[in-house]
Amino acid sequence: MNFASIKNTLLELKEVIIQLTDNDFVTPVNSLSNATVGEHSRHIIELYQTIIKGYDNGIINYDNRERDKSIQTVRQKAVIAIDTIINEIEKENKTLTMEHCISGNTTFIETNYFREVLYNLEHCIHHQALIKVALLTFDYVQVSENFGVAPSTIEYRKVCVQ
């Protein structure tokens, strides 16, 4: 599996976080139903942390993640967490079990590491698209044209231009 796209997407998020002021990182944004860039960033980070943490024992549970609020309020903690993910994400594929609870019923679903990494990439891009909307409020932040855009959409746009 090529992890370059995953790492690049996380680096783009890191660059946005670095550019934001501490205040703007935690400012509720009306167009995001008063969520903050920090909250969306924490959500992305914690789902990646979940698959890395669950890799060794083979069980992942996205619902039981730590929800470390300091990641959404302290930009440097978010940046450090992203760097850690980038350094630890590249692993061999293996079978995993995803544990999920719906309406009090626990379900166990067989999955694998590569599938979950790709799910997290798509999830990250989705939240980056939302963050991009928030960045319209903070016009000083420079963001890539492709920030929050799926790789398949980027490739499709290239074909359309030709």
C-alpha atoms as a PDB file:
ATOM      1  CA  MET A   1       0.000   0.000   0.000  1.00  0.00           C
ATOM      2  CA  ASN A   2       1.192   3.493  -0.791  1.00  0.00           C
ATOM      3  CA  PHE A   3       0.965   5.586   2.374  1.00  0.00           C
ATOM      4  CA  ALA A   4       2.099   8.805   0.643  1.00  0.00           C
ATOM      5  CA  SER A   5      -1.447  10.104   0.113  1.00  0.00           C
ATOM      6  CA  ILE A   6      -2.319   9.531   3.772  1.00  0.00           C
ATOM      7  CA  LYS A   7       0.814  11.294   4.970  1.00  0.00           C
ATOM      8  CA  ASN A   8       0.346  14.165   2.505  1.00  0.00           C
ATOM      9  CA  THR A   9      -3.250  14.715   3.590  1.00  0.00           C
ATOM     10  CA  LEU A  10      -2.173  14.838   7.238  1.00  0.00           C
ATOM     11  CA  LEU A  11       0.661  17.237   6.377  1.00  0.00           C
ATOM     12  CA  GLU A  12      -1.867  19.543   4.692  1.00  0.00           C
ATOM     13  CA  LEU A  13      -3.949  19.529   7.863  1.00  0.00           C
ATOM     14  CA  LYS A  14      -0.857  20.237   9.949  1.00  0.00           C
ATOM     15  CA  GLU A  15       0.030  23.213   7.724  1.00  0.00           C
ATOM     16  CA  VAL A  16      -3.440  24.689   8.234  1.00  0.00           C
ATOM     17  CA  ILE A  17      -3.240  24.238  12.002  1.00  0.00           C
ATOM     18  CA  ILE A  18       0.188  25.893  12.117  1.00  0.00           C
ATOM     19  CA  GLN A  19      -1.130  28.928  10.219  1.00  0.00           C
ATOM     20  CA  LEU A  20      -4.127  29.473  12.480  1.00  0.00           C
ATOM     21  CA  THR A  21      -3.919  31.631  15.564  1.00  0.00           C
ATOM     22  CA  ASP A  22      -4.600  29.960  18.900  1.00  0.00           C
ATOM     23  CA  ASN A  23      -7.861  31.876  19.126  1.00  0.00           C
ATOM     24  CA  ASP A  24      -9.082  30.962  15.631  1.00  0.00           C
ATOM     25  CA  PHE A  25      -8.293  27.270  16.261  1.00  0.00           C
ATOM     26  CA  VAL A  26     -10.871  27.262  19.077  1.00  0.00           C
ATOM     27  CA  THR A  27     -13.379  29.788  17.718  1.00  0.00           C
ATOM     28  CA  PRO A  28     -16.824  28.305  16.983  1.00  0.00           C
ATOM     29  CA  VAL A  29     -17.704  28.738  13.314  1.00  0.00           C
ATOM     30  CA  ASN A  30     -21.334  29.415  12.489  1.00  0.00           C
ATOM     31  CA  SER A  31     -21.198  27.565   9.148  1.00  0.00           C
ATOM     32  CA  LEU A  32     -19.992  24.447  11.022  1.00  0.00           C
ATOM     33  CA  SER A  33     -22.914  24.506  13.480  1.00  0.00           C
ATOM     34  CA  ASN A  34     -20.555  26.256  15.917  1.00  0.00           C
ATOM     35  CA  ALA A  35     -17.930  23.524  15.801  1.00  0.00           C
ATOM     36  CA  THR A  36     -14.294  24.605  15.738  1.00  0.00           C
ATOM     37  CA  VAL A  37     -11.369  23.757  13.490  1.00  0.00           C
ATOM     38  CA  GLY A  38      -9.804  22.270  16.614  1.00  0.00           C
ATOM     39  CA  GLU A  39     -12.742  19.926  17.155  1.00  0.00           C
ATOM     40  CA  HIS A  40     -12.651  18.669  13.570  1.00  0.00           C
ATOM     41  CA  SER A  41      -8.880  18.241  13.780  1.00  0.00           C
ATOM     42  CA  ARG A  42      -9.142  16.261  17.026  1.00  0.00           C
ATOM     43  CA  HIS A  43     -11.762  13.999  15.482  1.00  0.00           C
ATOM     44  CA  ILE A  44      -9.509  13.208  12.511  1.00  0.00           C
ATOM     45  CA  ILE A  45      -6.484  12.635  14.748  1.00  0.00           C
ATOM     46  CA  GLU A  46      -8.278  10.377  17.200  1.00  0.00           C
ATOM     47  CA  LEU A  47      -9.659   8.052  14.559  1.00  0.00           C
ATOM     48  CA  TYR A  48      -6.161   7.552  13.147  1.00  0.00           C
ATOM     49  CA  GLN A  49      -4.848   7.019  16.697  1.00  0.00           C
ATOM     50  CA  THR A  50      -7.517   4.354  17.189  1.00  0.00           C
ATOM     51  CA  ILE A  51      -6.334   2.184  14.323  1.00  0.00           C
ATOM     52  CA  ILE A  52      -2.682   2.571  15.286  1.00  0.00           C
ATOM     53  CA  LYS A  53      -3.446   1.729  18.921  1.00  0.00           C
ATOM     54  CA  GLY A  54      -5.590  -1.277  17.985  1.00  0.00           C
ATOM     55  CA  TYR A  55      -3.110  -2.697  15.501  1.00  0.00           C
ATOM     56  CA  ASP A  56      -1.161  -4.845  17.981  1.00  0.00           C
ATOM     57  CA  ASN A  57      -4.135  -6.471  19.708  1.00  0.00           C
ATOM     58  CA  GLY A  58      -6.151  -6.634  16.466  1.00  0.00           C
ATOM     59  CA  ILE A  59      -9.252  -4.880  17.823  1.00  0.00           C
ATOM     60  CA  ILE A  60     -10.364  -1.368  16.936  1.00  0.00           C
ATOM     61  CA  ASN A  61     -13.279   0.524  18.385  1.00  0.00           C
ATOM     62  CA  TYR A  62     -13.763   4.061  17.092  1.00  0.00           C
ATOM     63  CA  ASP A  63     -16.462   4.754  19.691  1.00  0.00           C
ATOM     64  CA  ASN A  64     -14.117   4.173  22.634  1.00  0.00           C
ATOM     65  CA  ARG A  65     -11.391   6.596  21.586  1.00  0.00           C
ATOM     66  CA  GLU A  66      -9.843   8.810  24.259  1.00  0.00           C
ATOM     67  CA  ARG A  67     -11.316  12.163  23.164  1.00  0.00           C
ATOM     68  CA  ASP A  68      -8.391  14.230  24.413  1.00  0.00           C
ATOM     69  CA  LYS A  69      -9.865  17.749  24.487  1.00  0.00           C
ATOM     70  CA  SER A  70      -6.392  19.313  24.667  1.00  0.00           C
ATOM     71  CA  ILE A  71      -5.842  18.263  21.038  1.00  0.00           C
ATOM     72  CA  GLN A  72      -8.727  20.531  20.021  1.00  0.00           C
ATOM     73  CA  THR A  73      -7.615  23.462  22.190  1.00  0.00           C
ATOM     74  CA  VAL A  74      -3.800  23.440  21.980  1.00  0.00           C
ATOM     75  CA  ARG A  75      -2.535  23.660  18.403  1.00  0.00           C
ATOM     76  CA  GLN A  76       0.906  22.300  19.296  1.00  0.00           C
ATOM     77  CA  LYS A  77      -0.649  19.132  20.754  1.00  0.00           C
ATOM     78  CA  ALA A  78      -2.548  18.614  17.498  1.00  0.00           C
ATOM     79  CA  VAL A  79       0.639  19.134  15.470  1.00  0.00           C
ATOM     80  CA  ILE A  80       2.583  16.662  17.635  1.00  0.00           C
ATOM     81  CA  ALA A  81      -0.232  14.113  17.347  1.00  0.00           C
ATOM     82  CA  ILE A  82      -0.238  14.445  13.541  1.00  0.00           C
ATOM     83  CA  ASP A  83       3.547  14.001  13.411  1.00  0.00           C
ATOM     84  CA  THR A  84       3.230  10.863  15.539  1.00  0.00           C
ATOM     85  CA  ILE A  85       0.565   9.429  13.235  1.00  0.00           C
ATOM     86  CA  ILE A  86       2.685  10.151  10.158  1.00  0.00           C
ATOM     87  CA  ASN A  87       5.618   8.330  11.775  1.00  0.00           C
ATOM     88  CA  GLU A  88       3.562   5.314  12.913  1.00  0.00           C
ATOM     89  CA  ILE A  89       0.881   4.810  10.236  1.00  0.00           C
ATOM     90  CA  GLU A  90       2.938   2.714   7.828  1.00  0.00           C
ATOM     91  CA  LYS A  91       2.429  -0.911   8.876  1.00  0.00           C
ATOM     92  CA  GLU A  92       1.883  -4.267   7.203  1.00  0.00           C
ATOM     93  CA  ASN A  93      -1.645  -5.266   6.393  1.00  0.00           C
ATOM     94  CA  LYS A  94      -3.316  -7.687   8.798  1.00  0.00           C
ATOM     95  CA  THR A  95      -6.777  -8.817   9.767  1.00  0.00           C
ATOM     96  CA  LEU A  96      -8.463  -6.706  12.443  1.00  0.00           C
ATOM     97  CA  THR A  97     -11.774  -6.858  14.248  1.00  0.00           C
ATOM     98  CA  MET A  98     -13.828  -3.708  14.499  1.00  0.00           C
ATOM     99  CA  GLU A  99     -16.013  -3.568  17.589  1.00  0.00           C
ATOM    100  CA  HIS A 100     -19.049  -1.325  17.262  1.00  0.00           C
ATOM    101  CA  CYS A 101     -22.087  -0.766  19.463  1.00  0.00           C
ATOM    102  CA  ILE A 102     -25.434   0.325  18.034  1.00  0.00           C
ATOM    103  CA  SER A 103     -28.485   0.719  20.279  1.00  0.00           C
ATOM    104  CA  GLY A 104     -26.810  -1.294  23.005  1.00  0.00           C
ATOM    105  CA  ASN A 105     -25.915  -4.186  20.712  1.00  0.00           C
ATOM    106  CA  THR A 106     -22.236  -4.878  20.193  1.00  0.00           C
ATOM    107  CA  THR A 107     -21.220  -6.056  16.751  1.00  0.00           C
ATOM    108  CA  PHE A 108     -17.844  -7.441  15.694  1.00  0.00           C
ATOM    109  CA  ILE A 109     -16.885  -6.983  12.053  1.00  0.00           C
ATOM    110  CA  GLU A 110     -13.853  -8.485  10.363  1.00  0.00           C
ATOM    111  CA  THR A 111     -11.783  -5.885   8.543  1.00  0.00           C
ATOM    112  CA  ASN A 112      -8.128  -5.240   7.840  1.00  0.00           C
ATOM    113  CA  TYR A 113      -5.564  -2.562   8.495  1.00  0.00           C
ATOM    114  CA  PHE A 114      -5.321  -1.253   4.925  1.00  0.00           C
ATOM    115  CA  ARG A 115      -9.114  -0.964   4.642  1.00  0.00           C
ATOM    116  CA  GLU A 116      -9.267   1.034   7.885  1.00  0.00           C
ATOM    117  CA  VAL A 117      -6.391   3.295   6.842  1.00  0.00           C
ATOM    118  CA  LEU A 118      -8.221   4.061   3.588  1.00  0.00           C
ATOM    119  CA  TYR A 119     -11.452   4.665   5.492  1.00  0.00           C
ATOM    120  CA  ASN A 120      -9.578   7.137   7.682  1.00  0.00           C
ATOM    121  CA  LEU A 121      -8.124   8.874   4.630  1.00  0.00           C
ATOM    122  CA  GLU A 122     -11.614   9.401   3.193  1.00  0.00           C
ATOM    123  CA  HIS A 123     -12.879  10.464   6.618  1.00  0.00           C
ATOM    124  CA  CYS A 124      -9.984  12.925   6.963  1.00  0.00           C
ATOM    125  CA  ILE A 125     -10.684  14.434   3.536  1.00  0.00           C
ATOM    126  CA  HIS A 126     -14.365  14.816   4.420  1.00  0.00           C
ATOM    127  CA  HIS A 127     -13.505  16.742   7.581  1.00  0.00           C
ATOM    128  CA  GLN A 128     -10.899  18.792   5.724  1.00  0.00           C
ATOM    129  CA  ALA A 129     -13.645  19.883   3.327  1.00  0.00           C
ATOM    130  CA  LEU A 130     -15.598  21.103   6.347  1.00  0.00           C
ATOM    131  CA  ILE A 131     -12.496  22.805   7.750  1.00  0.00           C
ATOM    132  CA  LYS A 132     -12.060  24.515   4.369  1.00  0.00           C
ATOM    133  CA  VAL A 133     -15.513  26.053   4.802  1.00  0.00           C
ATOM    134  CA  ALA A 134     -14.448  27.320   8.234  1.00  0.00           C
ATOM    135  CA  LEU A 135     -11.291  28.814   6.755  1.00  0.00           C
ATOM    136  CA  LEU A 136     -13.419  31.224   4.727  1.00  0.00           C
ATOM    137  CA  THR A 137     -13.901  32.968   8.080  1.00  0.00           C
ATOM    138  CA  PHE A 138     -10.114  33.203   8.537  1.00  0.00           C
ATOM    139  CA  ASP A 139      -8.992  34.708   5.219  1.00  0.00           C
ATOM    140  CA  TYR A 140      -5.293  34.829   6.158  1.00  0.00           C
ATOM    141  CA  VAL A 141      -4.830  31.047   5.965  1.00  0.00           C
ATOM    142  CA  GLN A 142      -3.255  29.743   2.757  1.00  0.00           C
ATOM    143  CA  VAL A 143      -4.690  26.391   1.739  1.00  0.00           C
ATOM    144  CA  SER A 144      -4.035  24.088  -1.176  1.00  0.00           C
ATOM    145  CA  GLU A 145      -6.659  24.045  -3.913  1.00  0.00           C
ATOM    146  CA  ASN A 146      -6.942  20.288  -3.307  1.00  0.00           C
ATOM    147  CA  PHE A 147      -7.368  20.521   0.477  1.00  0.00           C
ATOM    148  CA  GLY A 148     -10.490  18.557   1.341  1.00  0.00           C
ATOM    149  CA  VAL A 149     -10.799  17.032  -2.130  1.00  0.00           C
ATOM    150  CA  ALA A 150     -10.730  13.266  -2.701  1.00  0.00           C
ATOM    151  CA  PRO A 151      -7.814  11.905  -4.779  1.00  0.00           C
ATOM    152  CA  SER A 152     -10.260  10.428  -7.313  1.00  0.00           C
ATOM    153  CA  THR A 153     -11.850  13.861  -7.782  1.00  0.00           C
ATOM    154  CA  ILE A 154      -8.432  15.454  -8.291  1.00  0.00           C
ATOM    155  CA  GLU A 155      -7.615  12.865 -10.973  1.00  0.00           C
ATOM    156  CA  TYR A 156     -11.022  13.326 -12.614  1.00  0.00           C
ATOM    157  CA  ARG A 157     -10.522  17.106 -12.769  1.00  0.00           C
ATOM    158  CA  LYS A 158      -7.137  16.593 -14.466  1.00  0.00           C
ATOM    159  CA  VAL A 159      -8.777  14.489 -17.171  1.00  0.00           C
ATOM    160  CA  CYS A 160     -11.515  17.076 -17.707  1.00  0.00           C
ATOM    161  CA  VAL A 161      -8.981  19.862 -18.230  1.00  0.00           C
ATOM    162  CA  GLN A 162      -7.263  18.017 -21.091  1.00  0.00           C
END
